[in-house]
Protein backbone atom coordinates (compact mmCIF):
# COMPACT_ATOMS: atom_id res chain seq x y z
CA MET A 1 237.53 68.14 81.50
CA LEU A 2 239.74 65.92 83.65
CA ARG A 3 238.97 62.33 84.51
CA THR A 4 240.63 60.99 87.66
CA MET A 5 240.71 57.30 88.53
CA ILE A 6 242.23 56.15 91.81
CA THR A 7 243.11 52.52 92.48
CA ASP A 8 244.13 51.37 95.94
CA THR A 9 246.25 48.32 96.66
CA PRO A 10 247.85 47.37 99.98
CA PHE A 11 251.20 48.88 98.94
CA GLU A 12 250.33 51.58 96.41
CA GLN A 13 247.77 54.15 95.42
CA LYS A 14 247.67 54.66 91.66
CA TRP A 15 246.16 57.72 90.02
CA VAL A 16 245.33 57.81 86.31
CA LEU A 17 244.58 61.25 84.87
CA GLN A 18 242.97 61.81 81.48
CA GLY A 19 242.11 65.07 79.77
CA ARG A 20 242.91 68.69 80.57
CA LEU A 21 244.65 69.54 83.83
CA CYS A 22 243.58 73.18 83.76
CA GLY A 23 241.59 75.72 85.76
CA VAL A 24 238.78 74.30 87.87
CA TRP A 25 239.80 70.74 86.99
CA ALA A 26 243.24 71.38 88.50
CA LEU A 27 241.56 72.71 91.63
CA ASP A 28 239.31 69.63 91.71
CA LEU A 29 242.39 67.39 91.48
CA GLN A 30 244.04 69.31 94.30
CA GLU A 31 240.93 68.84 96.45
CA LYS A 32 240.94 65.09 95.73
CA TRP A 33 244.64 64.94 96.54
CA PHE A 34 244.05 66.61 99.92
CA SER A 35 241.03 64.46 100.74
CA THR A 36 242.92 61.21 100.08
CA ARG A 37 246.09 62.22 101.92
CA SER A 38 245.36 60.08 104.99
CA THR A 39 244.63 56.99 102.86
CA ARG A 40 248.11 57.17 101.28
CA GLU A 41 250.10 57.04 104.51
CA GLY A 42 252.83 54.42 104.33
CA ARG A 43 252.18 53.56 100.67
CA LYS A 44 253.72 54.57 97.40
CA CYS A 45 251.76 56.80 95.08
CA ALA A 46 252.08 56.66 91.29
CA VAL A 47 250.43 59.16 88.98
CA ASP A 48 249.94 58.14 85.33
CA LEU A 49 249.83 61.26 83.14
CA GLU A 50 249.91 59.46 79.80
CA ASP A 51 246.50 60.71 78.67
CA VAL A 52 246.77 64.30 79.92
CA ILE A 53 246.55 66.53 76.86
CA SER A 54 247.17 69.96 78.40
CA VAL A 55 248.36 71.52 81.65
CA ASP A 56 248.13 75.16 82.73
CA GLY A 57 249.88 76.94 85.60
CA LYS A 58 247.37 75.73 88.18
CA GLY A 59 247.80 72.17 86.96
CA GLU A 60 251.58 72.48 87.19
CA CYS A 61 251.26 73.71 90.77
CA VAL A 62 249.13 70.70 91.70
CA LEU A 63 251.58 68.29 90.05
CA LEU A 64 254.48 69.99 91.83
CA GLN A 65 252.66 69.64 95.12
CA MET A 66 251.91 65.97 94.47
CA ALA A 67 255.55 65.30 93.59
CA SER A 68 256.81 67.17 96.64
CA GLU A 69 254.65 64.88 98.77
CA GLY A 70 256.26 61.78 97.27
CA ALA A 71 254.10 60.96 94.26
CA VAL A 72 255.95 59.48 91.31
CA LEU A 73 254.73 61.22 88.15
CA ARG A 74 254.94 59.13 84.98
CA ALA A 75 254.54 60.00 81.32
CA SER A 76 256.12 58.89 78.06
CA ARG A 77 254.55 61.28 75.54
CA ALA A 78 256.65 64.24 74.51
CA TYR A 79 254.33 66.97 75.80
CA MET A 80 253.99 65.56 79.32
CA LYS A 81 257.68 64.64 79.49
CA HIS A 82 258.43 68.30 78.73
CA VAL A 83 256.03 69.42 81.48
CA LEU A 84 257.65 67.02 83.97
CA GLU A 85 261.14 68.23 83.06
CA SER A 86 259.99 71.80 83.68
CA LEU A 87 258.62 70.76 87.07
CA LYS A 88 261.91 69.05 87.97
CA GLU A 89 263.73 72.29 87.20
CA GLN A 90 261.29 74.22 89.40
CA GLN A 91 261.92 71.74 92.22
CA ARG A 92 265.68 72.17 91.83
CA GLN A 93 265.30 75.95 92.00
CA ILE A 94 263.12 75.72 95.12
CA SER A 95 265.58 73.32 96.72
CA LYS A 96 268.53 75.55 95.85
CA GLU A 97 266.81 78.68 97.19
CA THR A 98 265.81 76.87 100.39
CA HIS A 99 269.38 75.61 100.84
CA GLU A 100 270.81 79.11 100.27
CA CYS A 101 268.43 80.58 102.85
CA ASN A 102 269.38 77.98 105.46
CA PRO A 103 272.95 78.49 106.71
CA ASN A 104 272.85 75.17 108.61
CA PRO A 105 270.86 72.68 106.49
CA LYS A 106 271.60 69.78 108.85
CA ALA A 107 269.79 71.56 111.66
CA GLU A 108 266.40 71.29 109.96
CA HIS A 109 264.44 68.25 108.85
CA GLN A 110 265.45 67.34 105.31
CA THR A 111 262.99 65.78 102.88
CA GLN A 112 263.99 63.58 99.99
CA PRO A 113 263.47 65.04 96.53
CA SER A 114 260.46 63.59 94.78
CA LYS A 115 260.75 61.31 91.80
CA MET A 116 259.38 62.13 88.39
CA SER A 117 259.90 60.04 85.31
């Protein structure tokens, strides 16, 4: 089970996730992420992963998507820090592969790498 709490302020949308980010719960999170996309425009988004106890491949994909759209993923416990480091490496690989496939990177719109801590 995954509990998702979303708090809106004028300058930030904060997500707090608790539980297992796996299977159907990961898909539910992705659906919530998509449905709130328009409400985040122009604001920062912080995702607190402190109380997430497990993440599967689907959950990692959702977190990677959130980070690629500018969400700052935060965790201090060893397990989640390890997951976030793995996601950073995946982002670097994707960025490197995209750069290698694009002979003129300045010609296309560049996005800033997302922040994860």
